[in-house]
Amino acid sequence: MSKTNPEIDLYLKEGCGRCELFKTPDCKVHSWTDELGALRQILLSTELKEERKWGVACYTHQSKNIVMLSALKDFVSLSFLKGSLIKDPDKILSKAGENSHIARLIKFKSLGQVEQYRENVLDFIKQAIEIEKSGKKVKKEAVPEEIPEELKTAFENDAIFKEAFEALTPGRKRGYLIHFNQAKQSKTRISRIEKYRSQIMNGIGIHDIWKQSK
């Protein structure tokens, strides 16, 4: 059985730190105490090492990220970083989102579901470890992100802003475009663009500030 990490004890007590509910009674981790605890015990029963990355629980094998445990509003999830390579005949795994091409996750909405899928989870972990040991890579498909009309307008009104955005690395540009496009309303997209204008002008990615603060 793997050792517990005090940082994960802290995560389960305070949350991930990525929203305003951090260290409050309303943090999502408090809604899923039993489910998180049960999943943690399953993960610790394997050869994976418990670490904290991106604010949440991450389980690694020889420094390679295998699976992440986190709490959301409506469910707790186990996210397998190379889940698309895992054999899943019962179709238990699902895409993390429409823009996710590699990771796959399992959603748990009750302690009963954790017990129901215990053996599947252990099998997925075993497969994921073997995938890392084999060095198998996931072939990434280049899917261009659409530039929203609101961002095009911002570019037309500010050529320097456009130049700064185009100077970002492909990954940083994609991160911003995904975030902007996820907004359903035009006013929300405009608000998001303005919120990150300064970061973009300084060549900073959407997640860079949080990473630097950890």
Protein backbone atom coordinates (compact mmCIF):
# COMPACT_ATOMS: atom_id res chain seq x y z
CA MET A 1 0.00 0.00 0.00
CA SER A 2 1.30 3.43 -0.92
CA LYS A 3 1.98 6.15 1.65
CA THR A 4 -0.48 8.96 2.20
CA ASN A 5 0.69 12.44 1.30
CA PRO A 6 -0.02 15.25 3.82
CA GLU A 7 -0.65 17.58 0.88
CA ILE A 8 -3.66 15.47 -0.11
CA ASP A 9 -4.94 15.54 3.46
CA LEU A 10 -4.84 19.32 3.06
CA TYR A 11 -6.58 19.19 -0.33
CA LEU A 12 -9.41 17.11 1.11
CA LYS A 13 -9.75 19.61 3.95
CA GLU A 14 -9.41 22.93 2.09
CA GLY A 15 -9.96 22.29 -1.62
CA CYS A 16 -7.83 22.85 -4.69
CA GLY A 17 -7.42 26.63 -4.38
CA ARG A 18 -8.60 27.45 -7.89
CA CYS A 19 -11.84 29.21 -6.99
CA GLU A 20 -13.29 31.55 -4.39
CA LEU A 21 -14.66 28.60 -2.36
CA PHE A 22 -11.14 27.60 -1.29
CA LYS A 23 -10.92 27.03 2.48
CA THR A 24 -14.66 27.58 2.93
CA PRO A 25 -17.43 25.18 4.06
CA ASP A 26 -18.91 25.48 0.55
CA CYS A 27 -15.86 23.98 -1.18
CA LYS A 28 -16.87 21.02 -3.36
CA VAL A 29 -14.60 18.59 -1.51
CA HIS A 30 -16.92 18.76 1.51
CA SER A 31 -19.88 17.50 -0.54
CA TRP A 32 -18.04 14.31 -1.48
CA THR A 33 -16.06 13.38 1.64
CA ASP A 34 -17.01 9.69 1.64
CA GLU A 35 -16.56 9.20 -2.10
CA LEU A 36 -13.18 10.94 -2.16
CA GLY A 37 -12.01 8.94 0.83
CA ALA A 38 -13.08 5.62 -0.68
CA LEU A 39 -11.44 6.36 -4.03
CA ARG A 40 -8.29 7.49 -2.28
CA GLN A 41 -8.07 4.16 -0.46
CA ILE A 42 -8.44 2.27 -3.74
CA LEU A 43 -5.66 4.34 -5.30
CA LEU A 44 -3.40 3.92 -2.28
CA SER A 45 -3.85 0.14 -2.47
CA THR A 46 -1.89 0.18 -5.74
CA GLU A 47 1.77 0.90 -6.49
CA LEU A 48 1.00 4.50 -7.46
CA LYS A 49 2.58 7.39 -5.57
CA GLU A 50 0.25 10.04 -4.14
CA GLU A 51 1.19 13.61 -5.07
CA ARG A 52 -0.49 17.00 -5.37
CA LYS A 53 -0.48 18.65 -8.77
CA TRP A 54 -2.63 21.46 -10.16
CA GLY A 55 -4.12 21.70 -6.69
CA VAL A 56 -5.68 18.21 -6.67
CA ALA A 57 -4.64 14.62 -5.96
CA CYS A 58 -2.46 13.12 -8.68
CA TYR A 59 -1.20 9.53 -8.65
CA THR A 60 2.04 8.80 -10.43
CA HIS A 61 4.26 5.89 -11.42
CA GLN A 62 7.98 6.56 -11.75
CA SER A 63 7.25 10.31 -12.01
CA LYS A 64 4.68 9.80 -14.77
CA ASN A 65 1.16 11.13 -14.16
CA ILE A 66 -1.35 8.26 -14.27
CA VAL A 67 -4.66 9.39 -12.77
CA MET A 68 -6.10 12.41 -10.98
CA LEU A 69 -8.75 12.48 -8.26
CA SER A 70 -10.89 15.60 -7.97
CA ALA A 71 -14.29 16.88 -6.86
CA LEU A 72 -16.68 18.91 -8.98
CA LYS A 73 -20.11 20.28 -8.21
CA ASP A 74 -22.10 17.30 -9.49
CA PHE A 75 -19.65 14.42 -9.18
CA VAL A 76 -16.24 13.14 -8.15
CA SER A 77 -13.96 12.02 -10.95
CA LEU A 78 -10.97 9.87 -11.67
CA SER A 79 -9.25 11.21 -14.77
CA PHE A 80 -6.80 8.93 -16.57
CA LEU A 81 -4.26 11.05 -18.40
CA LYS A 82 -3.83 8.54 -21.26
CA GLY A 83 -7.30 7.09 -20.95
CA SER A 84 -7.86 6.92 -24.70
CA LEU A 85 -5.35 4.03 -24.77
CA ILE A 86 -7.11 2.04 -22.05
CA LYS A 87 -9.25 -0.93 -23.10
CA ASP A 88 -12.76 -0.25 -21.84
CA PRO A 89 -15.23 -2.77 -23.33
CA ASP A 90 -18.02 -1.72 -20.95
CA LYS A 91 -17.72 1.94 -21.99
CA ILE A 92 -17.29 3.18 -18.43
CA LEU A 93 -14.78 5.88 -19.32
CA SER A 94 -15.87 9.09 -21.01
CA LYS A 95 -14.18 12.14 -22.50
CA ALA A 96 -13.42 14.88 -20.01
CA GLY A 97 -14.87 17.40 -22.47
CA GLU A 98 -15.41 17.99 -26.17
CA ASN A 99 -11.90 19.42 -26.44
CA SER A 100 -10.31 16.47 -24.64
CA HIS A 101 -8.69 13.98 -27.02
CA ILE A 102 -6.51 11.92 -24.69
CA ALA A 103 -7.80 11.95 -21.10
CA ARG A 104 -10.74 9.81 -20.04
CA LEU A 105 -12.64 9.93 -16.78
CA ILE A 106 -15.09 8.07 -14.58
CA LYS A 107 -17.77 10.06 -12.79
CA PHE A 108 -18.99 8.98 -9.36
CA LYS A 109 -22.16 10.38 -7.83
CA SER A 110 -22.45 8.06 -4.83
CA LEU A 111 -20.44 5.80 -2.57
CA GLY A 112 -22.33 2.89 -4.09
CA GLN A 113 -20.90 3.70 -7.52
CA VAL A 114 -17.39 3.72 -6.09
CA GLU A 115 -17.93 0.16 -4.84
CA GLN A 116 -19.65 -0.84 -8.08
CA TYR A 117 -16.67 0.17 -10.22
CA ARG A 118 -13.88 -0.77 -7.79
CA GLU A 119 -12.57 -3.66 -9.91
CA ASN A 120 -12.84 -1.61 -13.09
CA VAL A 121 -10.81 1.17 -11.50
CA LEU A 122 -8.10 -1.26 -10.42
CA ASP A 123 -8.01 -2.74 -13.93
CA PHE A 124 -7.75 0.72 -15.52
CA ILE A 125 -4.90 1.62 -13.16
CA LYS A 126 -3.06 -1.58 -14.05
CA GLN A 127 -3.50 -0.87 -17.76
CA ALA A 128 -2.42 2.76 -17.36
CA ILE A 129 0.79 1.71 -15.60
CA GLU A 130 1.58 -0.79 -18.36
CA ILE A 131 0.94 1.89 -20.98
CA GLU A 132 3.51 4.15 -19.31
CA LYS A 133 6.01 1.32 -18.97
CA SER A 134 5.67 0.51 -22.67
CA GLY A 135 6.33 4.12 -23.64
CA LYS A 136 3.28 4.11 -25.86
CA LYS A 137 2.31 7.57 -27.06
CA VAL A 138 -1.04 9.02 -27.96
CA LYS A 139 -1.22 10.43 -31.45
CA LYS A 140 -2.51 13.96 -31.05
CA GLU A 141 -4.89 15.31 -33.63
CA ALA A 142 -4.40 18.94 -34.44
CA VAL A 143 -7.83 20.50 -34.03
CA PRO A 144 -7.76 24.25 -34.66
CA GLU A 145 -9.83 26.35 -32.29
CA GLU A 146 -12.24 28.85 -33.81
CA ILE A 147 -11.56 32.52 -33.10
CA PRO A 148 -14.79 34.01 -31.70
CA GLU A 149 -16.21 37.13 -33.35
CA GLU A 150 -15.70 39.12 -30.16
CA LEU A 151 -11.97 38.41 -30.25
CA LYS A 152 -11.80 39.32 -33.94
CA THR A 153 -13.43 42.65 -33.07
CA ALA A 154 -10.91 43.21 -30.28
CA PHE A 155 -8.10 42.55 -32.76
CA GLU A 156 -9.57 45.05 -35.25
CA ASN A 157 -9.73 47.71 -32.54
CA ASP A 158 -6.25 47.03 -31.17
CA ALA A 159 -3.54 45.86 -33.54
CA ILE A 160 -0.98 45.60 -30.72
CA PHE A 161 -3.31 43.28 -28.80
CA LYS A 162 -3.65 41.12 -31.91
CA GLU A 163 0.11 41.00 -32.32
CA ALA A 164 0.55 39.99 -28.66
CA PHE A 165 -1.99 37.18 -28.99
CA GLU A 166 -0.41 35.85 -32.16
CA ALA A 167 2.99 35.85 -30.44
CA LEU A 168 1.75 33.40 -27.78
CA THR A 169 2.79 29.76 -27.98
CA PRO A 170 0.25 27.47 -29.73
CA GLY A 171 -0.68 25.89 -26.40
CA ARG A 172 -1.35 29.24 -24.74
CA LYS A 173 -3.41 30.46 -27.68
CA ARG A 174 -5.48 27.28 -27.63
CA GLY A 175 -6.03 27.62 -23.88
CA TYR A 176 -7.46 31.11 -24.29
CA LEU A 177 -9.59 30.17 -27.30
CA ILE A 178 -11.10 27.21 -25.50
CA HIS A 179 -11.94 29.42 -22.49
CA PHE A 180 -13.45 32.17 -24.64
CA ASN A 181 -15.47 29.75 -26.79
CA GLN A 182 -16.92 27.97 -23.77
CA ALA A 183 -18.94 31.08 -22.93
CA LYS A 184 -22.47 30.79 -24.33
CA GLN A 185 -23.26 34.51 -24.47
CA SER A 186 -21.46 37.24 -26.40
CA LYS A 187 -21.25 39.53 -23.36
CA THR A 188 -19.55 36.77 -21.39
CA ARG A 189 -17.01 36.22 -24.16
CA ILE A 190 -16.28 39.96 -24.22
CA SER A 191 -15.87 39.96 -20.43
CA ARG A 192 -13.44 37.05 -20.57
CA ILE A 193 -11.38 38.67 -23.31
CA GLU A 194 -11.08 41.90 -21.30
CA LYS A 195 -10.28 40.01 -18.12
CA TYR A 196 -7.25 38.36 -19.73
CA ARG A 197 -6.16 41.22 -21.98
CA SER A 198 -3.32 42.23 -19.64
CA GLN A 199 -2.03 38.66 -19.36
CA ILE A 200 -2.08 38.24 -23.12
CA MET A 201 -0.23 41.52 -23.60
CA ASN A 202 2.47 40.22 -21.26
CA GLY A 203 2.76 36.86 -23.02
CA ILE A 204 1.25 34.96 -20.10
CA GLY A 205 -0.92 31.87 -20.56
CA ILE A 206 -4.35 31.51 -18.99
CA HIS A 207 -3.10 29.03 -16.37
CA ASP A 208 0.37 30.50 -15.80
CA ILE A 209 -0.53 32.85 -12.95
CA TRP A 210 -2.03 30.03 -10.89
CA LYS A 211 0.98 27.78 -11.54
CA GLN A 212 3.39 30.51 -10.43
CA SER A 213 1.45 31.04 -7.21
CA LYS A 214 1.85 27.43 -6.08
